[in-house]
Amino acid sequence: MEIIELKTLKHENLITFIGACFTAPRVALLVEVAPKGSLADVLLSEAYNLAWAFKFSILVVIAKGMDYLHDSMIGSHGRLKSTNCLIDNRWSCKISDCT
């Protein structure tokens, strides 16, 4: 995926792309911070006891993000899994690794 295409993806349930750094042969993408880690981290952690209603709300948020991706130039994610869903400080779930 082209960097320019990544910049056009704007949705509240997608991790925000900020920029990229190219140092041949490597490319580093800069995205917004999700301090709570991945959804997998949160679900497996004994530090959090999440209510089923909250877990269901996360599923709804992921579905909204995927609906946006399916209607975008990307068409599909291809690698959706709990480690590609990141949780920010407001407990908002955002899909990452859309490239």
PDB file of N, CA and C in Angstrom:
ATOM      1  N   MET A   1       0.844  -1.171   0.000  1.00  0.00           N
ATOM      2  CA  MET A   1       0.000   0.000   0.000  1.00  0.00           C
ATOM      3  C   MET A   1       0.888   1.232   0.000  1.00  0.00           C
ATOM      4  N   GLU A   2       0.492   2.210  -0.769  1.00  0.00           N
ATOM      5  CA  GLU A   2       1.230   3.464  -0.855  1.00  0.00           C
ATOM      6  C   GLU A   2       1.006   4.299   0.406  1.00  0.00           C
ATOM      7  N   ILE A   3       2.016   5.049   0.786  1.00  0.00           N
ATOM      8  CA  ILE A   3       1.925   5.914   1.963  1.00  0.00           C
ATOM      9  C   ILE A   3       0.807   6.936   1.788  1.00  0.00           C
ATOM     10  N   ILE A   4       0.654   7.461   0.591  1.00  0.00           N
ATOM     11  CA  ILE A   4      -0.397   8.454   0.325  1.00  0.00           C
ATOM     12  C   ILE A   4      -1.776   7.856   0.591  1.00  0.00           C
ATOM     13  N   GLU A   5      -1.964   6.587   0.235  1.00  0.00           N
ATOM     14  CA  GLU A   5      -3.245   5.931   0.498  1.00  0.00           C
ATOM     15  C   GLU A   5      -3.485   5.776   1.996  1.00  0.00           C
ATOM     16  N   LEU A   6      -2.430   5.487   2.751  1.00  0.00           N
ATOM     17  CA  LEU A   6      -2.571   5.376   4.201  1.00  0.00           C
ATOM     18  C   LEU A   6      -3.040   6.692   4.810  1.00  0.00           C
ATOM     19  N   LYS A   7      -2.530   7.812   4.294  1.00  0.00           N
ATOM     20  CA  LYS A   7      -2.915   9.127   4.826  1.00  0.00           C
ATOM     21  C   LYS A   7      -4.390   9.425   4.595  1.00  0.00           C
ATOM     22  N   THR A   8      -5.000   8.792   3.579  1.00  0.00           N
ATOM     23  CA  THR A   8      -6.408   9.070   3.287  1.00  0.00           C
ATOM     24  C   THR A   8      -7.358   8.288   4.189  1.00  0.00           C
ATOM     25  N   LEU A   9      -6.870   7.265   4.872  1.00  0.00           N
ATOM     26  CA  LEU A   9      -7.725   6.467   5.753  1.00  0.00           C
ATOM     27  C   LEU A   9      -7.972   7.225   7.052  1.00  0.00           C
ATOM     28  N   LYS A  10      -9.169   7.705   7.222  1.00  0.00           N
ATOM     29  CA  LYS A  10      -9.536   8.471   8.415  1.00  0.00           C
ATOM     30  C   LYS A  10     -10.833   7.903   8.980  1.00  0.00           C
ATOM     31  N   HIS A  11     -10.737   7.276  10.133  1.00  0.00           N
ATOM     32  CA  HIS A  11     -11.925   6.736  10.795  1.00  0.00           C
ATOM     33  C   HIS A  11     -11.620   6.604  12.280  1.00  0.00           C
ATOM     34  N   GLU A  12     -12.615   6.844  13.109  1.00  0.00           N
ATOM     35  CA  GLU A  12     -12.410   6.814  14.556  1.00  0.00           C
ATOM     36  C   GLU A  12     -12.010   5.435  15.079  1.00  0.00           C
ATOM     37  N   ASN A  13     -12.245   4.386  14.294  1.00  0.00           N
ATOM     38  CA  ASN A  13     -11.912   3.035  14.735  1.00  0.00           C
ATOM     39  C   ASN A  13     -10.702   2.444  14.017  1.00  0.00           C
ATOM     40  N   LEU A  14      -9.927   3.310  13.353  1.00  0.00           N
ATOM     41  CA  LEU A  14      -8.656   2.909  12.749  1.00  0.00           C
ATOM     42  C   LEU A  14      -7.540   3.684  13.428  1.00  0.00           C
ATOM     43  N   ILE A  15      -6.419   3.032  13.656  1.00  0.00           N
ATOM     44  CA  ILE A  15      -5.268   3.719  14.234  1.00  0.00           C
ATOM     45  C   ILE A  15      -4.831   4.805  13.249  1.00  0.00           C
ATOM     46  N   THR A  16      -4.534   5.990  13.721  1.00  0.00           N
ATOM     47  CA  THR A  16      -4.196   7.115  12.853  1.00  0.00           C
ATOM     48  C   THR A  16      -2.751   7.025  12.375  1.00  0.00           C
ATOM     49  N   PHE A  17      -2.579   7.078  11.060  1.00  0.00           N
ATOM     50  CA  PHE A  17      -1.255   7.098  10.444  1.00  0.00           C
ATOM     51  C   PHE A  17      -0.733   8.525  10.509  1.00  0.00           C
ATOM     52  N   ILE A  18       0.489   8.709  11.006  1.00  0.00           N
ATOM     53  CA  ILE A  18       1.073  10.039  11.145  1.00  0.00           C
ATOM     54  C   ILE A  18       2.134  10.300  10.088  1.00  0.00           C
ATOM     55  N   GLY A  19       2.983   9.328   9.838  1.00  0.00           N
ATOM     56  CA  GLY A  19       4.040   9.528   8.853  1.00  0.00           C
ATOM     57  C   GLY A  19       4.886   8.282   8.687  1.00  0.00           C
ATOM     58  N   ALA A  20       5.947   8.426   7.891  1.00  0.00           N
ATOM     59  CA  ALA A  20       6.836   7.294   7.627  1.00  0.00           C
ATOM     60  C   ALA A  20       8.271   7.784   7.513  1.00  0.00           C
ATOM     61  N   CYS A  21       9.189   6.881   7.779  1.00  0.00           N
ATOM     62  CA  CYS A  21      10.617   7.159   7.644  1.00  0.00           C
ATOM     63  C   CYS A  21      11.223   6.064   6.778  1.00  0.00           C
ATOM     64  N   PHE A  22      11.947   6.488   5.749  1.00  0.00           N
ATOM     65  CA  PHE A  22      12.569   5.538   4.832  1.00  0.00           C
ATOM     66  C   PHE A  22      14.082   5.579   5.002  1.00  0.00           C
ATOM     67  N   THR A  23      14.663   4.464   5.372  1.00  0.00           N
ATOM     68  CA  THR A  23      16.106   4.284   5.407  1.00  0.00           C
ATOM     69  C   THR A  23      16.360   2.927   4.764  1.00  0.00           C
ATOM     70  N   ALA A  24      16.707   2.955   3.487  1.00  0.00           N
ATOM     71  CA  ALA A  24      16.820   1.720   2.705  1.00  0.00           C
ATOM     72  C   ALA A  24      17.656   0.686   3.436  1.00  0.00           C
ATOM     73  N   PRO A  25      17.210  -0.538   3.497  1.00  0.00           N
ATOM     74  CA  PRO A  25      15.998  -1.096   2.887  1.00  0.00           C
ATOM     75  C   PRO A  25      14.800  -1.096   3.831  1.00  0.00           C
ATOM     76  N   ARG A  26      14.846  -0.335   4.904  1.00  0.00           N
ATOM     77  CA  ARG A  26      13.782  -0.357   5.918  1.00  0.00           C
ATOM     78  C   ARG A  26      12.804   0.798   5.756  1.00  0.00           C
ATOM     79  N   VAL A  27      11.577   0.529   6.217  1.00  0.00           N
ATOM     80  CA  VAL A  27      10.535   1.551   6.279  1.00  0.00           C
ATOM     81  C   VAL A  27       9.932   1.482   7.677  1.00  0.00           C
ATOM     82  N   ALA A  28       9.801   2.616   8.335  1.00  0.00           N
ATOM     83  CA  ALA A  28       9.163   2.678   9.647  1.00  0.00           C
ATOM     84  C   ALA A  28       7.926   3.554   9.535  1.00  0.00           C
ATOM     85  N   LEU A  29       6.801   3.046  10.035  1.00  0.00           N
ATOM     86  CA  LEU A  29       5.562   3.812  10.035  1.00  0.00           C
ATOM     87  C   LEU A  29       5.344   4.401  11.420  1.00  0.00           C
ATOM     88  N   LEU A  30       4.936   5.650  11.468  1.00  0.00           N
ATOM     89  CA  LEU A  30       4.627   6.328  12.719  1.00  0.00           C
ATOM     90  C   LEU A  30       3.111   6.434  12.826  1.00  0.00           C
ATOM     91  N   VAL A  31       2.568   5.865  13.906  1.00  0.00           N
ATOM     92  CA  VAL A  31       1.119   5.877  14.114  1.00  0.00           C
ATOM     93  C   VAL A  31       0.823   6.373  15.526  1.00  0.00           C
ATOM     94  N   GLU A  32      -0.449   6.664  15.778  1.00  0.00           N
ATOM     95  CA  GLU A  32      -0.821   7.138  17.108  1.00  0.00           C
ATOM     96  C   GLU A  32      -0.519   6.074  18.165  1.00  0.00           C
ATOM     97  N   VAL A  33      -0.356   6.520  19.386  1.00  0.00           N
ATOM     98  CA  VAL A  33      -0.024   5.639  20.503  1.00  0.00           C
ATOM     99  C   VAL A  33      -1.294   4.996  21.056  1.00  0.00           C
ATOM    100  N   ALA A  34      -1.183   3.720  21.386  1.00  0.00           N
ATOM    101  CA  ALA A  34      -2.268   2.995  22.049  1.00  0.00           C
ATOM    102  C   ALA A  34      -1.675   2.366  23.318  1.00  0.00           C
ATOM    103  N   PRO A  35      -1.620   3.135  24.402  1.00  0.00           N
ATOM    104  CA  PRO A  35      -0.872   2.740  25.598  1.00  0.00           C
ATOM    105  C   PRO A  35      -1.328   1.456  26.290  1.00  0.00           C
ATOM    106  N   LYS A  36      -2.569   1.075  26.124  1.00  0.00           N
ATOM    107  CA  LYS A  36      -3.040  -0.134  26.804  1.00  0.00           C
ATOM    108  C   LYS A  36      -2.639  -1.400  26.055  1.00  0.00           C
ATOM    109  N   GLY A  37      -2.059  -1.239  24.868  1.00  0.00           N
ATOM    110  CA  GLY A  37      -1.594  -2.392  24.108  1.00  0.00           C
ATOM    111  C   GLY A  37      -2.666  -2.962  23.205  1.00  0.00           C
ATOM    112  N   SER A  38      -2.489  -4.209  22.861  1.00  0.00           N
ATOM    113  CA  SER A  38      -3.427  -4.852  21.941  1.00  0.00           C
ATOM    114  C   SER A  38      -4.641  -5.392  22.693  1.00  0.00           C
ATOM    115  N   LEU A  39      -5.678  -5.678  21.941  1.00  0.00           N
ATOM    116  CA  LEU A  39      -6.867  -6.301  22.519  1.00  0.00           C
ATOM    117  C   LEU A  39      -6.489  -7.640  23.141  1.00  0.00           C
ATOM    118  N   ALA A  40      -5.583  -8.366  22.511  1.00  0.00           N
ATOM    119  CA  ALA A  40      -5.113  -9.643  23.076  1.00  0.00           C
ATOM    120  C   ALA A  40      -4.490  -9.416  24.450  1.00  0.00           C
ATOM    121  N   ASP A  41      -3.655  -8.386  24.575  1.00  0.00           N
ATOM    122  CA  ASP A  41      -3.024  -8.068  25.864  1.00  0.00           C
ATOM    123  C   ASP A  41      -4.072  -7.806  26.943  1.00  0.00           C
ATOM    124  N   VAL A  42      -5.073  -7.006  26.590  1.00  0.00           N
ATOM    125  CA  VAL A  42      -6.112  -6.623  27.553  1.00  0.00           C
ATOM    126  C   VAL A  42      -6.957  -7.834  27.949  1.00  0.00           C
ATOM    127  N   LEU A  43      -7.352  -8.646  26.964  1.00  0.00           N
ATOM    128  CA  LEU A  43      -8.205  -9.800  27.255  1.00  0.00           C
ATOM    129  C   LEU A  43      -7.483 -10.861  28.085  1.00  0.00           C
ATOM    130  N   LEU A  44      -6.182 -10.999  27.886  1.00  0.00           N
ATOM    131  CA  LEU A  44      -5.414 -12.018  28.611  1.00  0.00           C
ATOM    132  C   LEU A  44      -4.887 -11.537  29.962  1.00  0.00           C
ATOM    133  N   SER A  45      -4.949 -10.233  30.196  1.00  0.00           N
ATOM    134  CA  SER A  45      -4.419  -9.670  31.434  1.00  0.00           C
ATOM    135  C   SER A  45      -5.356  -9.945  32.610  1.00  0.00           C
ATOM    136  N   GLU A  46      -4.764 -10.329  33.728  1.00  0.00           N
ATOM    137  CA  GLU A  46      -5.548 -10.514  34.947  1.00  0.00           C
ATOM    138  C   GLU A  46      -5.830  -9.177  35.631  1.00  0.00           C
ATOM    139  N   ALA A  47      -5.203  -8.109  35.152  1.00  0.00           N
ATOM    140  CA  ALA A  47      -5.392  -6.781  35.745  1.00  0.00           C
ATOM    141  C   ALA A  47      -6.751  -6.189  35.390  1.00  0.00           C
ATOM    142  N   TYR A  48      -7.358  -6.680  34.310  1.00  0.00           N
ATOM    143  CA  TYR A  48      -8.642  -6.138  33.853  1.00  0.00           C
ATOM    144  C   TYR A  48      -9.720  -7.207  33.946  1.00  0.00           C
ATOM    145  N   ASN A  49     -10.850  -6.835  34.507  1.00  0.00           N
ATOM    146  CA  ASN A  49     -12.010  -7.720  34.552  1.00  0.00           C
ATOM    147  C   ASN A  49     -13.118  -7.024  33.762  1.00  0.00           C
ATOM    148  N   LEU A  50     -13.159  -7.279  32.464  1.00  0.00           N
ATOM    149  CA  LEU A  50     -14.075  -6.565  31.579  1.00  0.00           C
ATOM    150  C   LEU A  50     -15.456  -7.209  31.568  1.00  0.00           C
ATOM    151  N   ALA A  51     -16.475  -6.373  31.671  1.00  0.00           N
ATOM    152  CA  ALA A  51     -17.858  -6.853  31.599  1.00  0.00           C
ATOM    153  C   ALA A  51     -18.173  -7.312  30.178  1.00  0.00           C
ATOM    154  N   TRP A  52     -19.100  -8.258  30.073  1.00  0.00           N
ATOM    155  CA  TRP A  52     -19.474  -8.763  28.746  1.00  0.00           C
ATOM    156  C   TRP A  52     -20.053  -7.667  27.869  1.00  0.00           C
ATOM    157  N   ALA A  53     -20.773  -6.721  28.453  1.00  0.00           N
ATOM    158  CA  ALA A  53     -21.334  -5.610  27.666  1.00  0.00           C
ATOM    159  C   ALA A  53     -20.208  -4.788  27.040  1.00  0.00           C
ATOM    160  N   PHE A  54     -19.126  -4.589  27.780  1.00  0.00           N
ATOM    161  CA  PHE A  54     -17.988  -3.843  27.243  1.00  0.00           C
ATOM    162  C   PHE A  54     -17.302  -4.634  26.140  1.00  0.00           C
ATOM    163  N   LYS A  55     -17.129  -5.940  26.344  1.00  0.00           N
ATOM    164  CA  LYS A  55     -16.532  -6.789  25.311  1.00  0.00           C
ATOM    165  C   LYS A  55     -17.367  -6.742  24.031  1.00  0.00           C
ATOM    166  N   PHE A  56     -18.683  -6.772  24.185  1.00  0.00           N
ATOM    167  CA  PHE A  56     -19.561  -6.688  23.019  1.00  0.00           C
ATOM    168  C   PHE A  56     -19.397  -5.339  22.323  1.00  0.00           C
ATOM    169  N   SER A  57     -19.258  -4.265  23.096  1.00  0.00           N
ATOM    170  CA  SER A  57     -19.088  -2.938  22.486  1.00  0.00           C
ATOM    171  C   SER A  57     -17.790  -2.871  21.679  1.00  0.00           C
ATOM    172  N   ILE A  58     -16.761  -3.581  22.117  1.00  0.00           N
ATOM    173  CA  ILE A  58     -15.513  -3.639  21.355  1.00  0.00           C
ATOM    174  C   ILE A  58     -15.753  -4.334  20.015  1.00  0.00           C
ATOM    175  N   LEU A  59     -16.538  -5.403  20.023  1.00  0.00           N
ATOM    176  CA  LEU A  59     -16.872  -6.093  18.766  1.00  0.00           C
ATOM    177  C   LEU A  59     -17.592  -5.165  17.800  1.00  0.00           C
ATOM    178  N   VAL A  60     -18.504  -4.359  18.318  1.00  0.00           N
ATOM    179  CA  VAL A  60     -19.241  -3.411  17.472  1.00  0.00           C
ATOM    180  C   VAL A  60     -18.285  -2.389  16.863  1.00  0.00           C
ATOM    181  N   VAL A  61     -17.364  -1.879  17.660  1.00  0.00           N
ATOM    182  CA  VAL A  61     -16.382  -0.902  17.188  1.00  0.00           C
ATOM    183  C   VAL A  61     -15.498  -1.508  16.095  1.00  0.00           C
ATOM    184  N   ILE A  62     -15.054  -2.738  16.293  1.00  0.00           N
ATOM    185  CA  ILE A  62     -14.239  -3.415  15.278  1.00  0.00           C
ATOM    186  C   ILE A  62     -15.043  -3.588  13.994  1.00  0.00           C
ATOM    187  N   ALA A  63     -16.305  -3.967  14.117  1.00  0.00           N
ATOM    188  CA  ALA A  63     -17.158  -4.133  12.931  1.00  0.00           C
ATOM    189  C   ALA A  63     -17.318  -2.816  12.176  1.00  0.00           C
ATOM    190  N   LYS A  64     -17.457  -1.710  12.894  1.00  0.00           N
ATOM    191  CA  LYS A  64     -17.569  -0.399  12.240  1.00  0.00           C
ATOM    192  C   LYS A  64     -16.288  -0.050  11.490  1.00  0.00           C
ATOM    193  N   GLY A  65     -15.146  -0.312  12.105  1.00  0.00           N
ATOM    194  CA  GLY A  65     -13.870  -0.058  11.443  1.00  0.00           C
ATOM    195  C   GLY A  65     -13.694  -0.921  10.210  1.00  0.00           C
ATOM    196  N   MET A  66     -14.077  -2.185  10.307  1.00  0.00           N
ATOM    197  CA  MET A  66     -13.965  -3.089   9.162  1.00  0.00           C
ATOM    198  C   MET A  66     -14.927  -2.691   8.046  1.00  0.00           C
ATOM    199  N   ASP A  67     -16.102  -2.230   8.404  1.00  0.00           N
ATOM    200  CA  ASP A  67     -17.054  -1.754   7.394  1.00  0.00           C
ATOM    201  C   ASP A  67     -16.452  -0.590   6.612  1.00  0.00           C
ATOM    202  N   TYR A  68     -15.805   0.325   7.325  1.00  0.00           N
ATOM    203  CA  TYR A  68     -15.133   1.446   6.664  1.00  0.00           C
ATOM    204  C   TYR A  68     -14.036   0.940   5.736  1.00  0.00           C
ATOM    205  N   LEU A  69     -13.204   0.009   6.219  1.00  0.00           N
ATOM    206  CA  LEU A  69     -12.123  -0.531   5.387  1.00  0.00           C
ATOM    207  C   LEU A  69     -12.659  -1.220   4.138  1.00  0.00           C
ATOM    208  N   HIS A  70     -13.743  -1.965   4.284  1.00  0.00           N
ATOM    209  CA  HIS A  70     -14.312  -2.681   3.138  1.00  0.00           C
ATOM    210  C   HIS A  70     -14.865  -1.720   2.097  1.00  0.00           C
ATOM    211  N   ASP A  71     -15.283  -0.541   2.519  1.00  0.00           N
ATOM    212  CA  ASP A  71     -15.779   0.475   1.579  1.00  0.00           C
ATOM    213  C   ASP A  71     -14.662   1.373   1.055  1.00  0.00           C
ATOM    214  N   SER A  72     -13.457   1.223   1.581  1.00  0.00           N
ATOM    215  CA  SER A  72     -12.329   2.066   1.161  1.00  0.00           C
ATOM    216  C   SER A  72     -11.586   1.419   0.000  1.00  0.00           C
ATOM    217  N   MET A  73     -10.516   2.087  -0.435  1.00  0.00           N
ATOM    218  CA  MET A  73      -9.700   1.549  -1.530  1.00  0.00           C
ATOM    219  C   MET A  73      -8.981   0.264  -1.135  1.00  0.00           C
ATOM    220  N   ILE A  74      -8.844   0.008   0.161  1.00  0.00           N
ATOM    221  CA  ILE A  74      -8.182  -1.218   0.621  1.00  0.00           C
ATOM    222  C   ILE A  74      -9.033  -2.445   0.313  1.00  0.00           C
ATOM    223  N   GLY A  75     -10.314  -2.357   0.590  1.00  0.00           N
ATOM    224  CA  GLY A  75     -11.224  -3.462   0.300  1.00  0.00           C
ATOM    225  C   GLY A  75     -11.348  -4.474   1.420  1.00  0.00           C
ATOM    226  N   SER A  76     -10.239  -4.830   2.063  1.00  0.00           N
ATOM    227  CA  SER A  76     -10.283  -5.753   3.197  1.00  0.00           C
ATOM    228  C   SER A  76      -8.994  -5.610   4.008  1.00  0.00           C
ATOM    229  N   HIS A  77      -9.033  -6.102   5.217  1.00  0.00           N
ATOM    230  CA  HIS A  77      -7.858  -6.024   6.089  1.00  0.00           C
ATOM    231  C   HIS A  77      -6.901  -7.170   5.786  1.00  0.00           C
ATOM    232  N   GLY A  78      -7.414  -8.373   5.778  1.00  0.00           N
ATOM    233  CA  GLY A  78      -6.606  -9.539   5.445  1.00  0.00           C
ATOM    234  C   GLY A  78      -5.883 -10.191   6.604  1.00  0.00           C
ATOM    235  N   ARG A  79      -5.663  -9.450   7.697  1.00  0.00           N
ATOM    236  CA  ARG A  79      -4.925  -9.984   8.846  1.00  0.00           C
ATOM    237  C   ARG A  79      -5.571  -9.567  10.169  1.00  0.00           C
ATOM    238  N   LEU A  80      -6.876  -9.463  10.198  1.00  0.00           N
ATOM    239  CA  LEU A  80      -7.532  -9.011  11.425  1.00  0.00           C
ATOM    240  C   LEU A  80      -7.414 -10.079  12.513  1.00  0.00           C
ATOM    241  N   LYS A  81      -6.874  -9.664  13.639  1.00  0.00           N
ATOM    242  CA  LYS A  81      -6.750 -10.527  14.810  1.00  0.00           C
ATOM    243  C   LYS A  81      -6.626  -9.629  16.031  1.00  0.00           C
ATOM    244  N   SER A  82      -6.737 -10.200  17.194  1.00  0.00           N
ATOM    245  CA  SER A  82      -6.756  -9.396  18.421  1.00  0.00           C
ATOM    246  C   SER A  82      -5.458  -8.624  18.645  1.00  0.00           C
ATOM    247  N   THR A  83      -4.347  -9.083  18.094  1.00  0.00           N
ATOM    248  CA  THR A  83      -3.093  -8.343  18.249  1.00  0.00           C
ATOM    249  C   THR A  83      -3.019  -7.133  17.321  1.00  0.00           C
ATOM    250  N   ASN A  84      -3.907  -7.051  16.327  1.00  0.00           N
ATOM    251  CA  ASN A  84      -3.976  -5.899  15.420  1.00  0.00           C
ATOM    252  C   ASN A  84      -5.086  -4.922  15.810  1.00  0.00           C
ATOM    253  N   CYS A  85      -5.687  -5.136  16.956  1.00  0.00           N
ATOM    254  CA  CYS A  85      -6.689  -4.215  17.496  1.00  0.00           C
ATOM    255  C   CYS A  85      -6.078  -3.604  18.753  1.00  0.00           C
ATOM    256  N   LEU A  86      -5.875  -2.295  18.728  1.00  0.00           N
ATOM    257  CA  LEU A  86      -5.152  -1.619  19.809  1.00  0.00           C
ATOM    258  C   LEU A  86      -6.097  -0.805  20.677  1.00  0.00           C
ATOM    259  N   ILE A  87      -5.767  -0.695  21.956  1.00  0.00           N
ATOM    260  CA  ILE A  87      -6.610  -0.004  22.932  1.00  0.00           C
ATOM    261  C   ILE A  87      -5.894   1.261  23.411  1.00  0.00           C
ATOM    262  N   ASP A  88      -6.588   2.398  23.282  1.00  0.00           N
ATOM    263  CA  ASP A  88      -5.980   3.657  23.720  1.00  0.00           C
ATOM    264  C   ASP A  88      -6.341   3.954  25.177  1.00  0.00           C
ATOM    265  N   ASN A  89      -5.935   5.120  25.665  1.00  0.00           N
ATOM    266  CA  ASN A  89      -6.185   5.489  27.066  1.00  0.00           C
ATOM    267  C   ASN A  89      -7.658   5.659  27.400  1.00  0.00           C
ATOM    268  N   ARG A  90      -8.488   5.928  26.396  1.00  0.00           N
ATOM    269  CA  ARG A  90      -9.927   6.098  26.627  1.00  0.00           C
ATOM    270  C   ARG A  90     -10.679   4.778  26.470  1.00  0.00           C
ATOM    271  N   TRP A  91      -9.944   3.677  26.368  1.00  0.00           N
ATOM    272  CA  TRP A  91     -10.493   2.338  26.161  1.00  0.00           C
ATOM    273  C   TRP A  91     -11.202   2.205  24.818  1.00  0.00           C
ATOM    274  N   SER A  92     -10.772   3.007  23.870  1.00  0.00           N
ATOM    275  CA  SER A  92     -11.303   2.909  22.511  1.00  0.00           C
ATOM    276  C   SER A  92     -10.451   1.911  21.740  1.00  0.00           C
ATOM    277  N   CYS A  93     -11.103   1.016  21.029  1.00  0.00           N
ATOM    278  CA  CYS A  93     -10.402   0.000  20.244  1.00  0.00           C
ATOM    279  C   CYS A  93     -10.207   0.513  18.821  1.00  0.00           C
ATOM    280  N   LYS A  94      -8.979   0.383  18.308  1.00  0.00           N
ATOM    281  CA  LYS A  94      -8.663   0.863  16.963  1.00  0.00           C
ATOM    282  C   LYS A  94      -7.915  -0.221  16.194  1.00  0.00           C
ATOM    283  N   ILE A  95      -8.323  -0.421  14.959  1.00  0.00           N
ATOM    284  CA  ILE A  95      -7.710  -1.428  14.100  1.00  0.00           C
ATOM    285  C   ILE A  95      -6.393  -0.889  13.560  1.00  0.00           C
ATOM    286  N   SER A  96      -5.363  -1.730  13.595  1.00  0.00           N
ATOM    287  CA  SER A  96      -4.055  -1.343  13.067  1.00  0.00           C
ATOM    288  C   SER A  96      -3.618  -2.330  11.991  1.00  0.00           C
ATOM    289  N   ASP A  97      -2.438  -2.090  11.452  1.00  0.00           N
ATOM    290  CA  ASP A  97      -1.824  -2.967  10.447  1.00  0.00           C
ATOM    291  C   ASP A  97      -2.717  -3.125   9.219  1.00  0.00           C
ATOM    292  N   CYS A  98      -3.185  -2.004   8.710  1.00  0.00           N
ATOM    293  CA  CYS A  98      -4.069  -2.009   7.536  1.00  0.00           C
ATOM    294  C   CYS A  98      -3.297  -1.998   6.231  1.00  0.00           C
ATOM    295  N   THR A  99      -1.975  -2.063   6.302  1.00  0.00           N
ATOM    296  CA  THR A  99      -1.165  -1.965   5.088  1.00  0.00           C
ATOM    297  C   THR A  99      -1.015  -3.289   4.398  1.00  0.00           C
TER     298      THR A  99
END
